[in-house]
Amino acid sequence: MYCIEHSQRWWNRQCVLTTPEDLIDELCHKVALAPNEAELEAALDELQSALQEHREHLESVAADYLLSLPLAIRKRLSKLHETIAA
């Protein structure tokens, strides 16, 4: 989970816990609404970083899932992958 900070005033900040997808969506809006090039570049950097982090997380989850499968199923998947690649 991520925290997106919403604030109207410096003394009234709220931290809203959100999913990685929500964070990426929020950053896309930030990119689209950037008023100048400097803020656009900063928002794009944030978005790229969030996308990279989310991709790495998904790869890790997928790898953990595949490793949790019984060996016989992993072997079948490996053969299927080899057949498709050929």
Protein backbone atom coordinates (compact mmCIF):
# COMPACT_ATOMS: atom_id res chain seq x y z
CA MET A 1 0.00 0.00 0.00
CA TYR A 2 1.03 3.55 -0.63
CA CYS A 3 0.21 6.85 0.98
CA ILE A 4 -1.03 9.67 -1.21
CA GLU A 5 -0.96 12.91 0.70
CA HIS A 6 -3.94 15.19 0.19
CA SER A 7 -3.85 18.60 1.77
CA GLN A 8 -5.71 21.85 1.52
CA ARG A 9 -3.54 23.53 4.12
CA TRP A 10 -0.14 22.66 5.61
CA TRP A 11 -1.70 21.98 9.01
CA ASN A 12 -4.47 19.74 7.67
CA ARG A 13 -2.68 16.97 5.79
CA GLN A 14 -4.29 13.60 5.31
CA CYS A 15 -2.60 10.41 4.27
CA VAL A 16 -4.86 8.14 2.22
CA LEU A 17 -3.67 4.54 1.89
CA THR A 18 -4.10 3.35 -1.64
CA THR A 19 -3.16 0.56 -4.03
CA PRO A 20 -0.24 0.77 -6.47
CA GLU A 21 -2.77 1.05 -9.30
CA ASP A 22 -4.39 4.05 -7.59
CA LEU A 23 -0.99 5.67 -7.12
CA ILE A 24 -0.16 5.18 -10.81
CA ASP A 25 -3.55 6.61 -11.78
CA GLU A 26 -2.96 9.62 -9.52
CA LEU A 27 0.48 10.17 -11.04
CA CYS A 28 -0.98 9.96 -14.58
CA HIS A 29 -3.37 12.75 -13.65
CA LYS A 30 -0.47 14.71 -12.20
CA VAL A 31 1.44 14.32 -15.49
CA ALA A 32 -1.59 15.36 -17.57
CA LEU A 33 -2.22 18.45 -15.44
CA ALA A 34 1.39 19.59 -15.04
CA PRO A 35 1.38 23.37 -15.59
CA ASN A 36 4.98 23.64 -16.78
CA GLU A 37 7.87 21.57 -18.10
CA ALA A 38 9.68 21.33 -14.75
CA GLU A 39 6.62 19.89 -12.99
CA LEU A 40 5.95 17.62 -15.99
CA GLU A 41 9.47 16.17 -15.79
CA ALA A 42 9.16 15.66 -12.03
CA ALA A 43 5.77 13.98 -12.41
CA LEU A 44 7.07 11.75 -15.21
CA ASP A 45 10.01 10.70 -13.02
CA GLU A 46 7.62 9.80 -10.19
CA LEU A 47 5.38 7.88 -12.57
CA GLN A 48 8.28 5.97 -14.09
CA SER A 49 9.53 5.05 -10.63
CA ALA A 50 6.08 3.88 -9.50
CA LEU A 51 5.65 1.80 -12.67
CA GLN A 52 9.07 0.20 -12.22
CA GLU A 53 8.37 -0.62 -8.57
CA HIS A 54 4.97 -2.09 -9.43
CA ARG A 55 6.45 -4.19 -12.27
CA GLU A 56 9.10 -5.58 -9.92
CA HIS A 57 6.42 -6.41 -7.35
CA LEU A 58 4.30 -8.21 -9.95
CA GLU A 59 7.33 -10.18 -11.16
CA SER A 60 8.05 -11.23 -7.59
CA VAL A 61 4.45 -12.29 -6.97
CA ALA A 62 4.41 -14.28 -10.23
CA ALA A 63 7.69 -15.99 -9.39
CA ASP A 64 6.49 -16.89 -5.89
CA TYR A 65 3.29 -18.30 -7.36
CA LEU A 66 5.14 -20.41 -9.92
CA LEU A 67 7.48 -21.74 -7.26
CA SER A 68 4.52 -22.72 -5.11
CA LEU A 69 3.15 -25.01 -7.84
CA PRO A 70 3.89 -28.72 -7.58
CA LEU A 71 6.95 -29.87 -9.51
CA ALA A 72 4.89 -31.88 -12.05
CA ILE A 73 2.90 -28.80 -13.04
CA ARG A 74 6.06 -26.66 -13.26
CA LYS A 75 7.59 -29.28 -15.61
CA ARG A 76 4.48 -29.23 -17.82
CA LEU A 77 4.57 -25.43 -17.95
CA SER A 78 8.25 -25.54 -18.85
CA LYS A 79 7.56 -27.98 -21.71
CA LEU A 80 4.68 -25.82 -22.91
CA HIS A 81 6.93 -22.77 -22.86
CA GLU A 82 9.61 -24.62 -24.85
CA THR A 83 7.00 -25.73 -27.41
CA ILE A 84 5.70 -22.19 -27.85
CA ALA A 85 9.22 -20.75 -28.13
CA ALA A 86 10.19 -23.25 -30.86
